Amino acid sequence: MRRVGCMVGGLVLAALLGSGSAALAVTSWQCGARLVGTGQSPADVYALCGEPTERSFETELVTLRLGRGIYVSRAVPVERWTYDRGSRRLVRYLTFRDGRLVDIDEGRHGY
C-alpha cells in the first residue's frame, strides 16, 4: 500500500511540474522585504508592494443557501492584480474577493 501512495504522490508532483502554464497557489508572498498574505485588504497590499503591473475588476454573483428553499444572492466585487517584477522573478497573481486577498498564484518568470 505504501508503494501505491508513493506512486500517486510522484504522479501528482510530475503533473504539477510538467504543467508549465498552470499557476501554483500559495498563501503568502514576500514582496520585497515585506510579507503579504491572504486576508489582507487591497490598500494593505498596495502599501506594501506598490502599483501592480495589471489590474482587472469584475463582479461575481454569489448565491448562498440559508435553508430549505431559501437562497440569497448578492454581487461580490473581485479584483485581480498581476505583479511582474522581471525575468528573474516569478509573476504573482493576486485575487481579492469582497475586499480581502483570497488567492496568491505564482506563474512563470516575468518579462
PDB file of N, CA and C in Angstrom:
ATOM      1  N   MET A   1       0.825  -1.190   0.000  1.00  0.00           N
ATOM      2  CA  MET A   1       0.000   0.000   0.000  1.00  0.00           C
ATOM      3  C   MET A   1       0.871   1.257   0.000  1.00  0.00           C
ATOM      4  N   ARG A   2       1.962   1.214   0.735  1.00  0.00           N
ATOM      5  CA  ARG A   2       2.845   2.368   0.795  1.00  0.00           C
ATOM      6  C   ARG A   2       3.409   2.702  -0.583  1.00  0.00           C
ATOM      7  N   ARG A   3       3.708   1.670  -1.351  1.00  0.00           N
ATOM      8  CA  ARG A   3       4.261   1.873  -2.688  1.00  0.00           C
ATOM      9  C   ARG A   3       3.258   2.601  -3.587  1.00  0.00           C
ATOM     10  N   VAL A   4       1.974   2.282  -3.468  1.00  0.00           N
ATOM     11  CA  VAL A   4       0.935   2.931  -4.262  1.00  0.00           C
ATOM     12  C   VAL A   4       0.866   4.413  -3.895  1.00  0.00           C
ATOM     13  N   GLY A   5       0.941   4.719  -2.602  1.00  0.00           N
ATOM     14  CA  GLY A   5       0.919   6.108  -2.158  1.00  0.00           C
ATOM     15  C   GLY A   5       2.077   6.904  -2.718  1.00  0.00           C
ATOM     16  N   CYS A   6       3.264   6.312  -2.761  1.00  0.00           N
ATOM     17  CA  CYS A   6       4.433   6.990  -3.326  1.00  0.00           C
ATOM     18  C   CYS A   6       4.250   7.225  -4.810  1.00  0.00           C
ATOM     19  N   MET A   7       3.684   6.223  -5.511  1.00  0.00           N
ATOM     20  CA  MET A   7       3.462   6.374  -6.946  1.00  0.00           C
ATOM     21  C   MET A   7       2.465   7.488  -7.230  1.00  0.00           C
ATOM     22  N   VAL A   8       1.376   7.530  -6.454  1.00  0.00           N
ATOM     23  CA  VAL A   8       0.372   8.565  -6.648  1.00  0.00           C
ATOM     24  C   VAL A   8       0.970   9.933  -6.367  1.00  0.00           C
ATOM     25  N   GLY A   9       1.718  10.051  -5.272  1.00  0.00           N
ATOM     26  CA  GLY A   9       2.367  11.322  -4.941  1.00  0.00           C
ATOM     27  C   GLY A   9       3.334  11.750  -6.032  1.00  0.00           C
ATOM     28  N   GLY A  10       4.080  10.798  -6.581  1.00  0.00           N
ATOM     29  CA  GLY A  10       5.005  11.095  -7.661  1.00  0.00           C
ATOM     30  C   GLY A  10       4.290  11.559  -8.918  1.00  0.00           C
ATOM     31  N   LEU A  11       3.159  10.931  -9.217  1.00  0.00           N
ATOM     32  CA  LEU A  11       2.385  11.334 -10.389  1.00  0.00           C
ATOM     33  C   LEU A  11       1.825  12.742 -10.227  1.00  0.00           C
ATOM     34  N   VAL A  12       1.347  13.058  -9.036  1.00  0.00           N
ATOM     35  CA  VAL A  12       0.824  14.401  -8.781  1.00  0.00           C
ATOM     36  C   VAL A  12       1.939  15.430  -8.920  1.00  0.00           C
ATOM     37  N   LEU A  13       3.095  15.145  -8.337  1.00  0.00           N
ATOM     38  CA  LEU A  13       4.234  16.057  -8.440  1.00  0.00           C
ATOM     39  C   LEU A  13       4.665  16.222  -9.891  1.00  0.00           C
ATOM     40  N   ALA A  14       4.710  15.140 -10.638  1.00  0.00           N
ATOM     41  CA  ALA A  14       5.089  15.216 -12.045  1.00  0.00           C
ATOM     42  C   ALA A  14       4.083  16.050 -12.835  1.00  0.00           C
ATOM     43  N   ALA A  15       2.818  15.890 -12.525  1.00  0.00           N
ATOM     44  CA  ALA A  15       1.787  16.671 -13.220  1.00  0.00           C
ATOM     45  C   ALA A  15       1.945  18.153 -12.922  1.00  0.00           C
ATOM     46  N   LEU A  16       2.236  18.495 -11.669  1.00  0.00           N
ATOM     47  CA  LEU A  16       2.424  19.899 -11.304  1.00  0.00           C
ATOM     48  C   LEU A  16       3.656  20.491 -11.973  1.00  0.00           C
ATOM     49  N   LEU A  17       4.747  19.736 -11.974  1.00  0.00           N
ATOM     50  CA  LEU A  17       5.980  20.247 -12.567  1.00  0.00           C
ATOM     51  C   LEU A  17       5.893  20.294 -14.085  1.00  0.00           C
ATOM     52  N   GLY A  18       5.165  19.386 -14.666  1.00  0.00           N
ATOM     53  CA  GLY A  18       5.061  19.318 -16.115  1.00  0.00           C
ATOM     54  C   GLY A  18       4.127  20.344 -16.707  1.00  0.00           C
ATOM     55  N   SER A  19       3.242  20.893 -15.928  1.00  0.00           N
ATOM     56  CA  SER A  19       2.283  21.863 -16.459  1.00  0.00           C
ATOM     57  C   SER A  19       2.844  23.260 -16.285  1.00  0.00           C
ATOM     58  N   GLY A  20       3.704  23.667 -17.198  1.00  0.00           N
ATOM     59  CA  GLY A  20       4.384  24.951 -17.102  1.00  0.00           C
ATOM     60  C   GLY A  20       3.472  26.157 -17.145  1.00  0.00           C
ATOM     61  N   SER A  21       2.300  26.034 -17.740  1.00  0.00           N
ATOM     62  CA  SER A  21       1.427  27.194 -17.848  1.00  0.00           C
ATOM     63  C   SER A  21       0.502  27.347 -16.655  1.00  0.00           C
ATOM     64  N   ALA A  22       0.377  26.320 -15.844  1.00  0.00           N
ATOM     65  CA  ALA A  22      -0.530  26.393 -14.705  1.00  0.00           C
ATOM     66  C   ALA A  22       0.102  27.200 -13.578  1.00  0.00           C
ATOM     67  N   ALA A  23      -0.707  27.992 -12.920  1.00  0.00           N
ATOM     68  CA  ALA A  23      -0.226  28.769 -11.783  1.00  0.00           C
ATOM     69  C   ALA A  23      -0.277  27.908 -10.531  1.00  0.00           C
ATOM     70  N   LEU A  24       0.596  28.174  -9.596  1.00  0.00           N
ATOM     71  CA  LEU A  24       0.660  27.440  -8.352  1.00  0.00           C
ATOM     72  C   LEU A  24       0.186  28.355  -7.229  1.00  0.00           C
ATOM     73  N   ALA A  25      -0.814  27.914  -6.473  1.00  0.00           N
ATOM     74  CA  ALA A  25      -1.383  28.746  -5.410  1.00  0.00           C
ATOM     75  C   ALA A  25      -0.524  28.665  -4.152  1.00  0.00           C
ATOM     76  N   VAL A  26      -0.343  29.819  -3.510  1.00  0.00           N
ATOM     77  CA  VAL A  26       0.363  29.916  -2.237  1.00  0.00           C
ATOM     78  C   VAL A  26      -0.462  30.820  -1.317  1.00  0.00           C
ATOM     79  N   THR A  27      -0.157  30.843  -0.027  1.00  0.00           N
ATOM     80  CA  THR A  27      -0.942  31.663   0.901  1.00  0.00           C
ATOM     81  C   THR A  27      -0.236  32.947   1.304  1.00  0.00           C
ATOM     82  N   SER A  28       1.051  33.075   0.955  1.00  0.00           N
ATOM     83  CA  SER A  28       1.764  34.315   1.257  1.00  0.00           C
ATOM     84  C   SER A  28       2.825  34.556   0.185  1.00  0.00           C
ATOM     85  N   TRP A  29       3.308  35.790   0.155  1.00  0.00           N
ATOM     86  CA  TRP A  29       4.298  36.178  -0.840  1.00  0.00           C
ATOM     87  C   TRP A  29       5.182  37.237  -0.216  1.00  0.00           C
ATOM     88  N   GLN A  30       6.489  37.073  -0.353  1.00  0.00           N
ATOM     89  CA  GLN A  30       7.417  38.077   0.141  1.00  0.00           C
ATOM     90  C   GLN A  30       7.605  39.123  -0.933  1.00  0.00           C
ATOM     91  N   CYS A  31       7.028  40.272  -0.698  1.00  0.00           N
ATOM     92  CA  CYS A  31       7.072  41.397  -1.628  1.00  0.00           C
ATOM     93  C   CYS A  31       8.168  42.332  -1.138  1.00  0.00           C
ATOM     94  N   GLY A  32       9.327  42.237  -1.753  1.00  0.00           N
ATOM     95  CA  GLY A  32      10.473  42.982  -1.248  1.00  0.00           C
ATOM     96  C   GLY A  32      10.873  42.406   0.103  1.00  0.00           C
ATOM     97  N   ALA A  33      10.940  43.248   1.117  1.00  0.00           N
ATOM     98  CA  ALA A  33      11.293  42.789   2.461  1.00  0.00           C
ATOM     99  C   ALA A  33      10.060  42.533   3.319  1.00  0.00           C
ATOM    100  N   ARG A  34       8.873  42.655   2.713  1.00  0.00           N
ATOM    101  CA  ARG A  34       7.626  42.526   3.475  1.00  0.00           C
ATOM    102  C   ARG A  34       6.845  41.303   3.036  1.00  0.00           C
ATOM    103  N   LEU A  35       6.033  40.783   3.931  1.00  0.00           N
ATOM    104  CA  LEU A  35       5.238  39.596   3.653  1.00  0.00           C
ATOM    105  C   LEU A  35       3.770  39.977   3.464  1.00  0.00           C
ATOM    106  N   VAL A  36       3.188  39.518   2.362  1.00  0.00           N
ATOM    107  CA  VAL A  36       1.784  39.739   2.047  1.00  0.00           C
ATOM    108  C   VAL A  36       1.090  38.386   2.173  1.00  0.00           C
ATOM    109  N   GLY A  37      -0.095  38.371   2.795  1.00  0.00           N
ATOM    110  CA  GLY A  37      -0.796  37.108   2.970  1.00  0.00           C
ATOM    111  C   GLY A  37      -2.291  37.237   2.770  1.00  0.00           C
ATOM    112  N   THR A  38      -2.935  36.082   2.615  1.00  0.00           N
ATOM    113  CA  THR A  38      -4.376  36.076   2.438  1.00  0.00           C
ATOM    114  C   THR A  38      -5.046  36.747   3.631  1.00  0.00           C
ATOM    115  N   GLY A  39      -6.159  37.411   3.351  1.00  0.00           N
ATOM    116  CA  GLY A  39      -6.891  38.136   4.379  1.00  0.00           C
ATOM    117  C   GLY A  39      -6.627  39.624   4.384  1.00  0.00           C
ATOM    118  N   GLN A  40      -5.551  40.057   3.720  1.00  0.00           N
ATOM    119  CA  GLN A  40      -5.233  41.478   3.711  1.00  0.00           C
ATOM    120  C   GLN A  40      -6.103  42.226   2.703  1.00  0.00           C
ATOM    121  N   SER A  41      -6.259  43.521   2.927  1.00  0.00           N
ATOM    122  CA  SER A  41      -7.062  44.365   2.041  1.00  0.00           C
ATOM    123  C   SER A  41      -6.213  44.841   0.858  1.00  0.00           C
ATOM    124  N   PRO A  42      -6.868  45.287  -0.228  1.00  0.00           N
ATOM    125  CA  PRO A  42      -6.105  45.860  -1.344  1.00  0.00           C
ATOM    126  C   PRO A  42      -5.240  47.047  -0.909  1.00  0.00           C
ATOM    127  N   ALA A  43      -5.730  47.871  -0.005  1.00  0.00           N
ATOM    128  CA  ALA A  43      -4.945  49.022   0.474  1.00  0.00           C
ATOM    129  C   ALA A  43      -3.677  48.559   1.197  1.00  0.00           C
ATOM    130  N   ASP A  44      -3.788  47.500   2.012  1.00  0.00           N
ATOM    131  CA  ASP A  44      -2.620  46.960   2.707  1.00  0.00           C
ATOM    132  C   ASP A  44      -1.576  46.456   1.709  1.00  0.00           C
ATOM    133  N   VAL A  45      -2.028  45.689   0.720  1.00  0.00           N
ATOM    134  CA  VAL A  45      -1.118  45.119  -0.270  1.00  0.00           C
ATOM    135  C   VAL A  45      -0.482  46.235  -1.103  1.00  0.00           C
ATOM    136  N   TYR A  46      -1.264  47.221  -1.481  1.00  0.00           N
ATOM    137  CA  TYR A  46      -0.740  48.347  -2.250  1.00  0.00           C
ATOM    138  C   TYR A  46       0.339  49.079  -1.451  1.00  0.00           C
ATOM    139  N   ALA A  47       0.095  49.307  -0.172  1.00  0.00           N
ATOM    140  CA  ALA A  47       1.072  49.995   0.678  1.00  0.00           C
ATOM    141  C   ALA A  47       2.372  49.202   0.794  1.00  0.00           C
ATOM    142  N   LEU A  48       2.285  47.873   0.794  1.00  0.00           N
ATOM    143  CA  LEU A  48       3.467  47.024   0.944  1.00  0.00           C
ATOM    144  C   LEU A  48       4.196  46.789  -0.382  1.00  0.00           C
ATOM    145  N   CYS A  49       3.443  46.637  -1.465  1.00  0.00           N
ATOM    146  CA  CYS A  49       4.031  46.191  -2.733  1.00  0.00           C
ATOM    147  C   CYS A  49       4.004  47.222  -3.846  1.00  0.00           C
ATOM    148  N   GLY A  50       3.235  48.283  -3.673  1.00  0.00           N
ATOM    149  CA  GLY A  50       3.158  49.294  -4.711  1.00  0.00           C
ATOM    150  C   GLY A  50       2.175  48.935  -5.812  1.00  0.00           C
ATOM    151  N   GLU A  51       2.256  49.685  -6.891  1.00  0.00           N
ATOM    152  CA  GLU A  51       1.335  49.541  -8.027  1.00  0.00           C
ATOM    153  C   GLU A  51       1.555  48.206  -8.741  1.00  0.00           C
ATOM    154  N   PRO A  52       0.484  47.443  -8.970  1.00  0.00           N
ATOM    155  CA  PRO A  52       0.629  46.210  -9.752  1.00  0.00           C
ATOM    156  C   PRO A  52       0.853  46.528 -11.227  1.00  0.00           C
ATOM    157  N   THR A  53       1.382  45.573 -11.963  1.00  0.00           N
ATOM    158  CA  THR A  53       1.597  45.721 -13.394  1.00  0.00           C
ATOM    159  C   THR A  53       0.267  45.816 -14.130  1.00  0.00           C
ATOM    160  N   GLU A  54      -0.714  45.009 -13.703  1.00  0.00           N
ATOM    161  CA  GLU A  54      -2.051  44.998 -14.294  1.00  0.00           C
ATOM    162  C   GLU A  54      -3.086  44.858 -13.198  1.00  0.00           C
ATOM    163  N   ARG A  55      -4.288  45.392 -13.473  1.00  0.00           N
ATOM    164  CA  ARG A  55      -5.442  45.238 -12.584  1.00  0.00           C
ATOM    165  C   ARG A  55      -6.663  44.936 -13.426  1.00  0.00           C
ATOM    166  N   SER A  56      -7.514  44.061 -12.942  1.00  0.00           N
ATOM    167  CA  SER A  56      -8.806  43.852 -13.601  1.00  0.00           C
ATOM    168  C   SER A  56      -9.876  43.812 -12.512  1.00  0.00           C
ATOM    169  N   PHE A  57     -11.065  44.247 -12.881  1.00  0.00           N
ATOM    170  CA  PHE A  57     -12.182  44.309 -11.942  1.00  0.00           C
ATOM    171  C   PHE A  57     -13.383  43.621 -12.567  1.00  0.00           C
ATOM    172  N   GLU A  58     -14.110  42.884 -11.766  1.00  0.00           N
ATOM    173  CA  GLU A  58     -15.350  42.263 -12.213  1.00  0.00           C
ATOM    174  C   GLU A  58     -16.247  42.036 -11.003  1.00  0.00           C
ATOM    175  N   THR A  59     -17.435  41.579 -11.266  1.00  0.00           N
ATOM    176  CA  THR A  59     -18.379  41.279 -10.207  1.00  0.00           C
ATOM    177  C   THR A  59     -18.878  39.856 -10.393  1.00  0.00           C
ATOM    178  N   GLU A  60     -18.891  39.088  -9.317  1.00  0.00           N
ATOM    179  CA  GLU A  60     -19.422  37.727  -9.348  1.00  0.00           C
ATOM    180  C   GLU A  60     -20.716  37.689  -8.558  1.00  0.00           C
ATOM    181  N   LEU A  61     -21.666  36.932  -9.050  1.00  0.00           N
ATOM    182  CA  LEU A  61     -22.913  36.736  -8.326  1.00  0.00           C
ATOM    183  C   LEU A  61     -22.761  35.493  -7.461  1.00  0.00           C
ATOM    184  N   VAL A  62     -22.882  35.664  -6.152  1.00  0.00           N
ATOM    185  CA  VAL A  62     -22.736  34.561  -5.206  1.00  0.00           C
ATOM    186  C   VAL A  62     -24.100  34.263  -4.600  1.00  0.00           C
ATOM    187  N   THR A  63     -24.476  32.984  -4.621  1.00  0.00           N
ATOM    188  CA  THR A  63     -25.750  32.558  -4.058  1.00  0.00           C
ATOM    189  C   THR A  63     -25.489  31.627  -2.885  1.00  0.00           C
ATOM    190  N   LEU A  64     -26.080  31.940  -1.761  1.00  0.00           N
ATOM    191  CA  LEU A  64     -25.945  31.118  -0.560  1.00  0.00           C
ATOM    192  C   LEU A  64     -27.288  30.476  -0.211  1.00  0.00           C
ATOM    193  N   ARG A  65     -27.221  29.245   0.227  1.00  0.00           N
ATOM    194  CA  ARG A  65     -28.431  28.568   0.675  1.00  0.00           C
ATOM    195  C   ARG A  65     -28.523  28.745   2.187  1.00  0.00           C
ATOM    196  N   LEU A  66     -29.590  29.393   2.637  1.00  0.00           N
ATOM    197  CA  LEU A  66     -29.782  29.633   4.068  1.00  0.00           C
ATOM    198  C   LEU A  66     -30.603  28.543   4.730  1.00  0.00           C
ATOM    199  N   GLY A  67     -31.404  27.879   3.975  1.00  0.00           N
ATOM    200  CA  GLY A  67     -32.261  26.812   4.498  1.00  0.00           C
ATOM    201  C   GLY A  67     -32.980  26.161   3.336  1.00  0.00           C
ATOM    202  N   ARG A  68     -33.874  25.252   3.669  1.00  0.00           N
ATOM    203  CA  ARG A  68     -34.596  24.556   2.610  1.00  0.00           C
ATOM    204  C   ARG A  68     -35.437  25.552   1.814  1.00  0.00           C
ATOM    205  N   GLY A  69     -35.080  25.705   0.560  1.00  0.00           N
ATOM    206  CA  GLY A  69     -35.805  26.593  -0.329  1.00  0.00           C
ATOM    207  C   GLY A  69     -35.527  28.074  -0.132  1.00  0.00           C
ATOM    208  N   ILE A  70     -34.562  28.422   0.725  1.00  0.00           N
ATOM    209  CA  ILE A  70     -34.246  29.830   0.978  1.00  0.00           C
ATOM    210  C   ILE A  70     -32.827  30.114   0.483  1.00  0.00           C
ATOM    211  N   TYR A  71     -32.741  30.961  -0.536  1.00  0.00           N
ATOM    212  CA  TYR A  71     -31.466  31.327  -1.139  1.00  0.00           C
ATOM    213  C   TYR A  71     -31.327  32.851  -1.148  1.00  0.00           C
ATOM    214  N   VAL A  72     -30.111  33.297  -0.970  1.00  0.00           N
ATOM    215  CA  VAL A  72     -29.820  34.726  -1.026  1.00  0.00           C
ATOM    216  C   VAL A  72     -28.670  34.921  -2.011  1.00  0.00           C
ATOM    217  N   SER A  73     -28.848  35.852  -2.942  1.00  0.00           N
ATOM    218  CA  SER A  73     -27.800  36.155  -3.919  1.00  0.00           C
ATOM    219  C   SER A  73     -27.337  37.585  -3.728  1.00  0.00           C
ATOM    220  N   ARG A  74     -26.036  37.800  -3.960  1.00  0.00           N
ATOM    221  CA  ARG A  74     -25.522  39.159  -3.917  1.00  0.00           C
ATOM    222  C   ARG A  74     -24.309  39.265  -4.820  1.00  0.00           C
ATOM    223  N   ALA A  75     -24.066  40.471  -5.287  1.00  0.00           N
ATOM    224  CA  ALA A  75     -22.912  40.748  -6.135  1.00  0.00           C
ATOM    225  C   ALA A  75     -21.678  40.952  -5.256  1.00  0.00           C
ATOM    226  N   VAL A  76     -20.580  40.296  -5.632  1.00  0.00           N
ATOM    227  CA  VAL A  76     -19.334  40.392  -4.880  1.00  0.00           C
ATOM    228  C   VAL A  76     -18.262  40.963  -5.808  1.00  0.00           C
ATOM    229  N   PRO A  77     -17.621  42.075  -5.415  1.00  0.00           N
ATOM    230  CA  PRO A  77     -16.551  42.631  -6.247  1.00  0.00           C
ATOM    231  C   PRO A  77     -15.302  41.752  -6.197  1.00  0.00           C
ATOM    232  N   VAL A  78     -14.698  41.559  -7.365  1.00  0.00           N
ATOM    233  CA  VAL A  78     -13.474  40.759  -7.483  1.00  0.00           C
ATOM    234  C   VAL A  78     -12.432  41.586  -8.226  1.00  0.00           C
ATOM    235  N   GLU A  79     -11.239  41.675  -7.636  1.00  0.00           N
ATOM    236  CA  GLU A  79     -10.111  42.355  -8.276  1.00  0.00           C
ATOM    237  C   GLU A  79      -9.004  41.334  -8.476  1.00  0.00           C
ATOM    238  N   ARG A  80      -8.379  41.400  -9.627  1.00  0.00           N
ATOM    239  CA  ARG A  80      -7.227  40.540  -9.893  1.00  0.00           C
ATOM    240  C   ARG A  80      -6.046  41.439 -10.241  1.00  0.00           C
ATOM    241  N   TRP A  81      -4.969  41.282  -9.468  1.00  0.00           N
ATOM    242  CA  TRP A  81      -3.772  42.083  -9.671  1.00  0.00           C
ATOM    243  C   TRP A  81      -2.650  41.171 -10.156  1.00  0.00           C
ATOM    244  N   THR A  82      -1.821  41.701 -11.053  1.00  0.00           N
ATOM    245  CA  THR A  82      -0.647  40.989 -11.542  1.00  0.00           C
ATOM    246  C   THR A  82       0.591  41.804 -11.185  1.00  0.00           C
ATOM    247  N   TYR A  83       1.575  41.130 -10.602  1.00  0.00           N
ATOM    248  CA  TYR A  83       2.872  41.744 -10.326  1.00  0.00           C
ATOM    249  C   TYR A  83       3.923  41.012 -11.160  1.00  0.00           C
ATOM    250  N   ASP A  84       4.476  41.699 -12.147  1.00  0.00           N
ATOM    251  CA  ASP A  84       5.545  41.167 -12.987  1.00  0.00           C
ATOM    252  C   ASP A  84       6.794  41.957 -12.643  1.00  0.00           C
ATOM    253  N   ARG A  85       7.704  41.345 -11.908  1.00  0.00           N
ATOM    254  CA  ARG A  85       8.906  42.018 -11.422  1.00  0.00           C
ATOM    255  C   ARG A  85      10.137  41.731 -12.275  1.00  0.00           C
ATOM    256  N   GLY A  86       9.940  41.220 -13.483  1.00  0.00           N
ATOM    257  CA  GLY A  86      11.071  40.999 -14.383  1.00  0.00           C
ATOM    258  C   GLY A  86      11.405  39.541 -14.591  1.00  0.00           C
ATOM    259  N   SER A  87      12.364  39.297 -15.487  1.00  0.00           N
ATOM    260  CA  SER A  87      12.677  37.941 -15.930  1.00  0.00           C
ATOM    261  C   SER A  87      13.340  37.066 -14.869  1.00  0.00           C
ATOM    262  N   ARG A  88      13.837  37.635 -13.819  1.00  0.00           N
ATOM    263  CA  ARG A  88      14.485  36.840 -12.767  1.00  0.00           C
ATOM    264  C   ARG A  88      13.533  36.425 -11.650  1.00  0.00           C
ATOM    265  N   ARG A  89      12.290  36.895 -11.723  1.00  0.00           N
ATOM    266  CA  ARG A  89      11.310  36.588 -10.670  1.00  0.00           C
ATOM    267  C   ARG A  89      10.043  36.008 -11.275  1.00  0.00           C
ATOM    268  N   LEU A  90       9.309  35.262 -10.459  1.00  0.00           N
ATOM    269  CA  LEU A  90       8.047  34.693 -10.901  1.00  0.00           C
ATOM    270  C   LEU A  90       6.941  35.738 -10.848  1.00  0.00           C
ATOM    271  N   VAL A  91       6.046  35.683 -11.821  1.00  0.00           N
ATOM    272  CA  VAL A  91       4.889  36.577 -11.835  1.00  0.00           C
ATOM    273  C   VAL A  91       3.936  36.138 -10.731  1.00  0.00           C
ATOM    274  N   ARG A  92       3.338  37.094 -10.033  1.00  0.00           N
ATOM    275  CA  ARG A  92       2.352  36.811  -8.978  1.00  0.00           C
ATOM    276  C   ARG A  92       0.998  37.317  -9.414  1.00  0.00           C
ATOM    277  N   TYR A  93      -0.015  36.508  -9.175  1.00  0.00           N
ATOM    278  CA  TYR A  93      -1.401  36.866  -9.482  1.00  0.00           C
ATOM    279  C   TYR A  93      -2.162  36.879  -8.163  1.00  0.00           C
ATOM    280  N   LEU A  94      -2.676  38.038  -7.773  1.00  0.00           N
ATOM    281  CA  LEU A  94      -3.401  38.187  -6.516  1.00  0.00           C
ATOM    282  C   LEU A  94      -4.880  38.391  -6.813  1.00  0.00           C
ATOM    283  N   THR A  95      -5.733  37.674  -6.093  1.00  0.00           N
ATOM    284  CA  THR A  95      -7.176  37.802  -6.263  1.00  0.00           C
ATOM    285  C   THR A  95      -7.781  38.295  -4.964  1.00  0.00           C
ATOM    286  N   PHE A  96      -8.496  39.405  -5.064  1.00  0.00           N
ATOM    287  CA  PHE A  96      -9.217  39.978  -3.935  1.00  0.00           C
ATOM    288  C   PHE A  96     -10.701  39.740  -4.172  1.00  0.00           C
ATOM    289  N   ARG A  97     -11.379  39.204  -3.198  1.00  0.00           N
ATOM    290  CA  ARG A  97     -12.822  38.981  -3.294  1.00  0.00           C
ATOM    291  C   ARG A  97     -13.473  39.653  -2.093  1.00  0.00           C
ATOM    292  N   ASP A  98     -14.404  40.534  -2.385  1.00  0.00           N
ATOM    293  CA  ASP A  98     -15.141  41.244  -1.339  1.00  0.00           C
ATOM    294  C   ASP A  98     -14.193  42.007  -0.406  1.00  0.00           C
ATOM    295  N   GLY A  99     -13.135  42.600  -0.987  1.00  0.00           N
ATOM    296  CA  GLY A  99     -12.236  43.453  -0.214  1.00  0.00           C
ATOM    297  C   GLY A  99     -11.161  42.747   0.577  1.00  0.00           C
ATOM    298  N   ARG A 100     -10.932  41.459   0.315  1.00  0.00           N
ATOM    299  CA  ARG A 100      -9.891  40.701   1.023  1.00  0.00           C
ATOM    300  C   ARG A 100      -9.096  39.858   0.045  1.00  0.00           C
ATOM    301  N   LEU A 101      -7.803  39.718   0.288  1.00  0.00           N
ATOM    302  CA  LEU A 101      -6.944  38.874  -0.535  1.00  0.00           C
ATOM    303  C   LEU A 101      -7.282  37.412  -0.246  1.00  0.00           C
ATOM    304  N   VAL A 102      -7.713  36.687  -1.273  1.00  0.00           N
ATOM    305  CA  VAL A 102      -8.130  35.296  -1.078  1.00  0.00           C
ATOM    306  C   VAL A 102      -7.222  34.293  -1.779  1.00  0.00           C
ATOM    307  N   ASP A 103      -6.515  34.709  -2.823  1.00  0.00           N
ATOM    308  CA  ASP A 103      -5.633  33.788  -3.552  1.00  0.00           C
ATOM    309  C   ASP A 103      -4.368  34.513  -3.990  1.00  0.00           C
ATOM    310  N   ILE A 104      -3.241  33.810  -3.889  1.00  0.00           N
ATOM    311  CA  ILE A 104      -1.973  34.272  -4.437  1.00  0.00           C
ATOM    312  C   ILE A 104      -1.458  33.126  -5.292  1.00  0.00           C
ATOM    313  N   ASP A 105      -1.368  33.364  -6.580  1.00  0.00           N
ATOM    314  CA  ASP A 105      -0.865  32.350  -7.500  1.00  0.00           C
ATOM    315  C   ASP A 105       0.448  32.826  -8.070  1.00  0.00           C
ATOM    316  N   GLU A 106       1.347  31.874  -8.331  1.00  0.00           N
ATOM    317  CA  GLU A 106       2.595  32.246  -8.982  1.00  0.00           C
ATOM    318  C   GLU A 106       2.655  31.565 -10.330  1.00  0.00           C
ATOM    319  N   GLY A 107       3.126  32.314 -11.312  1.00  0.00           N
ATOM    320  CA  GLY A 107       3.232  31.795 -12.672  1.00  0.00           C
ATOM    321  C   GLY A 107       4.686  31.643 -13.081  1.00  0.00           C
ATOM    322  N   ARG A 108       4.901  31.781 -14.355  1.00  0.00           N
ATOM    323  CA  ARG A 108       6.254  31.680 -14.903  1.00  0.00           C
ATOM    324  C   ARG A 108       7.078  32.929 -14.592  1.00  0.00           C
ATOM    325  N   HIS A 109       8.311  32.908 -15.039  1.00  0.00           N
ATOM    326  CA  HIS A 109       9.147  34.098 -14.888  1.00  0.00           C
ATOM    327  C   HIS A 109       8.585  35.237 -15.713  1.00  0.00           C
ATOM    328  N   GLY A 110       8.779  36.446 -15.233  1.00  0.00           N
ATOM    329  CA  GLY A 110       8.241  37.628 -15.877  1.00  0.00           C
ATOM    330  C   GLY A 110       9.027  38.021 -17.112  1.00  0.00           C
ATOM    331  N   TYR A 111       8.758  39.226 -17.566  1.00  0.00           N
ATOM    332  CA  TYR A 111       9.397  39.745 -18.791  1.00  0.00           C
ATOM    333  C   TYR A 111      10.283  40.923 -18.507  1.00  0.00           C
TER     334      TYR A 111
END
